Amino acid sequence: MKKLKLDHVERLSRGKRSGLNIGSRSVGHYLRPYERAAYQRALKKGYLDITEKDRANLWHIWGKACAAMQWKFLVLIKDTDNGVGTVYASNKKVSESELVNAKKRMKDLVLSNLKLA
């Protein structure tokens, strides 16, 4: 069996066949241009930074990218209207606090994540 690589995830995010049968027709994976920009930022930062209004496709692709890179799944969901940030690690809600504190928490998790890899 082939190992999941970031290239497979990239092809899947563009609506192409991944080559590993990792996608599903019932689960959205195609990224729009603005979502692709957020995905590229996430690869640089080590965590996904989204709002509650973003589509789930970005969440799905990020999960697969983390698996390919052997990173912990880290997501910060921002509610800018209320100034609240929710931190998710490994698909579980870790904390919910003011946006500034949530960003600090996320940076700590990223540093520990990079030490593990």
C-alpha atoms as a PDB file:
ATOM      1  CA  MET A   1       0.000   0.000   0.000  1.00  0.00           C
ATOM      2  CA  LYS A   2       1.265   3.447  -0.906  1.00  0.00           C
ATOM      3  CA  LYS A   3       1.982   6.008   1.771  1.00  0.00           C
ATOM      4  CA  LEU A   4      -0.154   9.150   1.872  1.00  0.00           C
ATOM      5  CA  LYS A   5       1.819  12.145   0.620  1.00  0.00           C
ATOM      6  CA  LEU A   6       1.054  15.850   0.486  1.00  0.00           C
ATOM      7  CA  ASP A   7       0.946  15.593  -3.321  1.00  0.00           C
ATOM      8  CA  HIS A   8      -2.044  13.231  -3.052  1.00  0.00           C
ATOM      9  CA  VAL A   9      -3.861  15.723  -0.838  1.00  0.00           C
ATOM     10  CA  GLU A  10      -3.016  18.570  -3.226  1.00  0.00           C
ATOM     11  CA  ARG A  11      -4.512  16.688  -6.190  1.00  0.00           C
ATOM     12  CA  LEU A  12      -7.624  15.885  -4.186  1.00  0.00           C
ATOM     13  CA  SER A  13      -8.061  19.554  -3.223  1.00  0.00           C
ATOM     14  CA  ARG A  14      -8.051  20.464  -6.926  1.00  0.00           C
ATOM     15  CA  GLY A  15     -10.826  17.984  -7.732  1.00  0.00           C
ATOM     16  CA  LYS A  16      -8.511  15.415  -9.305  1.00  0.00           C
ATOM     17  CA  ARG A  17      -8.050  11.749  -8.411  1.00  0.00           C
ATOM     18  CA  SER A  18      -5.614  11.431  -5.539  1.00  0.00           C
ATOM     19  CA  GLY A  19      -4.203   8.099  -6.605  1.00  0.00           C
ATOM     20  CA  LEU A  20      -4.801   6.498  -3.206  1.00  0.00           C
ATOM     21  CA  ASN A  21      -8.603   6.418  -2.965  1.00  0.00           C
ATOM     22  CA  ILE A  22      -8.543   8.787   0.016  1.00  0.00           C
ATOM     23  CA  GLY A  23     -11.420  10.978  -1.149  1.00  0.00           C
ATOM     24  CA  SER A  24     -15.143  10.409  -1.019  1.00  0.00           C
ATOM     25  CA  ARG A  25     -17.873  11.793  -3.236  1.00  0.00           C
ATOM     26  CA  SER A  26     -20.046  12.415  -0.194  1.00  0.00           C
ATOM     27  CA  VAL A  27     -17.340  14.493   1.552  1.00  0.00           C
ATOM     28  CA  GLY A  28     -16.279  17.757  -0.057  1.00  0.00           C
ATOM     29  CA  HIS A  29     -12.565  18.242  -0.689  1.00  0.00           C
ATOM     30  CA  TYR A  30     -12.348  20.728  -3.573  1.00  0.00           C
ATOM     31  CA  LEU A  31     -10.925  24.091  -2.458  1.00  0.00           C
ATOM     32  CA  ARG A  32     -11.891  27.444  -3.922  1.00  0.00           C
ATOM     33  CA  PRO A  33      -9.082  29.988  -4.557  1.00  0.00           C
ATOM     34  CA  TYR A  34      -9.574  31.858  -1.258  1.00  0.00           C
ATOM     35  CA  GLU A  35      -9.688  28.533   0.616  1.00  0.00           C
ATOM     36  CA  ARG A  36      -6.499  27.441  -1.136  1.00  0.00           C
ATOM     37  CA  ALA A  37      -4.786  30.590   0.154  1.00  0.00           C
ATOM     38  CA  ALA A  38      -5.904  29.728   3.711  1.00  0.00           C
ATOM     39  CA  TYR A  39      -4.656  26.166   3.202  1.00  0.00           C
ATOM     40  CA  GLN A  40      -1.230  27.407   2.046  1.00  0.00           C
ATOM     41  CA  ARG A  41      -1.019  29.695   5.102  1.00  0.00           C
ATOM     42  CA  ALA A  42      -1.903  26.738   7.318  1.00  0.00           C
ATOM     43  CA  LEU A  43       0.941  24.694   5.860  1.00  0.00           C
ATOM     44  CA  LYS A  44       3.356  27.490   6.746  1.00  0.00           C
ATOM     45  CA  LYS A  45       1.935  28.131  10.241  1.00  0.00           C
ATOM     46  CA  GLY A  46       1.357  24.514  11.236  1.00  0.00           C
ATOM     47  CA  TYR A  47      -2.334  25.026  12.037  1.00  0.00           C
ATOM     48  CA  LEU A  48      -5.547  25.909  10.212  1.00  0.00           C
ATOM     49  CA  ASP A  49      -7.058  29.315  10.978  1.00  0.00           C
ATOM     50  CA  ILE A  50     -10.718  29.584   9.885  1.00  0.00           C
ATOM     51  CA  THR A  51     -13.994  31.281  10.780  1.00  0.00           C
ATOM     52  CA  GLU A  52     -17.317  29.660  11.572  1.00  0.00           C
ATOM     53  CA  LYS A  53     -18.588  30.681   8.134  1.00  0.00           C
ATOM     54  CA  ASP A  54     -15.963  28.727   6.154  1.00  0.00           C
ATOM     55  CA  ARG A  55     -16.916  25.541   4.338  1.00  0.00           C
ATOM     56  CA  ALA A  56     -16.061  22.139   5.788  1.00  0.00           C
ATOM     57  CA  ASN A  57     -13.930  21.316   2.720  1.00  0.00           C
ATOM     58  CA  LEU A  58     -10.980  23.168   4.220  1.00  0.00           C
ATOM     59  CA  TRP A  59     -11.326  21.183   7.457  1.00  0.00           C
ATOM     60  CA  HIS A  60     -11.370  17.875   5.506  1.00  0.00           C
ATOM     61  CA  ILE A  61      -8.326  18.718   3.382  1.00  0.00           C
ATOM     62  CA  TRP A  62      -6.400  19.963   6.423  1.00  0.00           C
ATOM     63  CA  GLY A  63      -7.071  16.668   8.203  1.00  0.00           C
ATOM     64  CA  LYS A  64      -5.626  14.735   5.287  1.00  0.00           C
ATOM     65  CA  ALA A  65      -2.635  17.097   5.011  1.00  0.00           C
ATOM     66  CA  CYS A  66      -1.869  16.593   8.709  1.00  0.00           C
ATOM     67  CA  ALA A  67      -2.010  12.830   8.241  1.00  0.00           C
ATOM     68  CA  ALA A  68       0.352  13.072   5.262  1.00  0.00           C
ATOM     69  CA  MET A  69       2.847  15.228   7.165  1.00  0.00           C
ATOM     70  CA  GLN A  70       2.366  13.294  10.416  1.00  0.00           C
ATOM     71  CA  TRP A  71       1.349  16.434  12.289  1.00  0.00           C
ATOM     72  CA  LYS A  72      -1.210  16.748  15.034  1.00  0.00           C
ATOM     73  CA  PHE A  73      -4.515  18.097  13.654  1.00  0.00           C
ATOM     74  CA  LEU A  74      -4.672  21.709  14.938  1.00  0.00           C
ATOM     75  CA  VAL A  75      -7.446  24.172  14.063  1.00  0.00           C
ATOM     76  CA  LEU A  76      -8.338  27.631  15.376  1.00  0.00           C
ATOM     77  CA  ILE A  77     -11.927  28.666  14.656  1.00  0.00           C
ATOM     78  CA  LYS A  78     -12.384  32.411  15.038  1.00  0.00           C
ATOM     79  CA  ASP A  79     -15.659  34.095  15.960  1.00  0.00           C
ATOM     80  CA  THR A  80     -14.634  37.687  15.299  1.00  0.00           C
ATOM     81  CA  ASP A  81     -18.112  39.050  16.059  1.00  0.00           C
ATOM     82  CA  ASN A  82     -17.789  37.946  19.684  1.00  0.00           C
ATOM     83  CA  GLY A  83     -13.979  38.007  19.904  1.00  0.00           C
ATOM     84  CA  VAL A  84     -13.819  34.306  20.768  1.00  0.00           C
ATOM     85  CA  GLY A  85     -11.482  31.623  19.479  1.00  0.00           C
ATOM     86  CA  THR A  86     -12.005  27.874  19.723  1.00  0.00           C
ATOM     87  CA  VAL A  87      -8.973  25.591  19.603  1.00  0.00           C
ATOM     88  CA  TYR A  88      -9.260  22.046  18.280  1.00  0.00           C
ATOM     89  CA  ALA A  89      -6.524  19.419  18.549  1.00  0.00           C
ATOM     90  CA  SER A  90      -6.947  15.942  17.065  1.00  0.00           C
ATOM     91  CA  ASN A  91     -10.584  16.745  16.151  1.00  0.00           C
ATOM     92  CA  LYS A  92     -11.456  17.479  19.794  1.00  0.00           C
ATOM     93  CA  LYS A  93     -12.290  20.837  21.306  1.00  0.00           C
ATOM     94  CA  VAL A  94      -9.439  21.820  23.605  1.00  0.00           C
ATOM     95  CA  SER A  95     -10.409  25.308  24.718  1.00  0.00           C
ATOM     96  CA  GLU A  96     -12.575  28.301  24.011  1.00  0.00           C
ATOM     97  CA  SER A  97     -11.410  31.730  25.123  1.00  0.00           C
ATOM     98  CA  GLU A  98     -10.790  35.282  23.994  1.00  0.00           C
ATOM     99  CA  LEU A  99      -9.294  35.386  20.524  1.00  0.00           C
ATOM    100  CA  VAL A 100      -5.933  36.732  21.741  1.00  0.00           C
ATOM    101  CA  ASN A 101      -5.592  33.945  24.311  1.00  0.00           C
ATOM    102  CA  ALA A 102      -6.722  31.315  21.804  1.00  0.00           C
ATOM    103  CA  LYS A 103      -4.006  32.419  19.360  1.00  0.00           C
ATOM    104  CA  LYS A 104      -1.373  32.156  22.113  1.00  0.00           C
ATOM    105  CA  ARG A 105      -2.643  28.691  23.032  1.00  0.00           C
ATOM    106  CA  MET A 106      -2.464  27.642  19.392  1.00  0.00           C
ATOM    107  CA  LYS A 107       1.136  28.855  19.046  1.00  0.00           C
ATOM    108  CA  ASP A 108       2.105  26.789  22.098  1.00  0.00           C
ATOM    109  CA  LEU A 109       0.454  23.710  20.589  1.00  0.00           C
ATOM    110  CA  VAL A 110       2.228  24.284  17.256  1.00  0.00           C
ATOM    111  CA  LEU A 111       5.611  24.482  18.978  1.00  0.00           C
ATOM    112  CA  SER A 112       4.984  21.215  20.806  1.00  0.00           C
ATOM    113  CA  ASN A 113       3.702  19.686  17.554  1.00  0.00           C
ATOM    114  CA  LEU A 114       6.878  20.618  15.675  1.00  0.00           C
ATOM    115  CA  LYS A 115       9.035  19.120  18.443  1.00  0.00           C
ATOM    116  CA  LEU A 116       7.205  15.807  18.030  1.00  0.00           C
ATOM    117  CA  ALA A 117       7.694  15.675  14.246  1.00  0.00           C
END
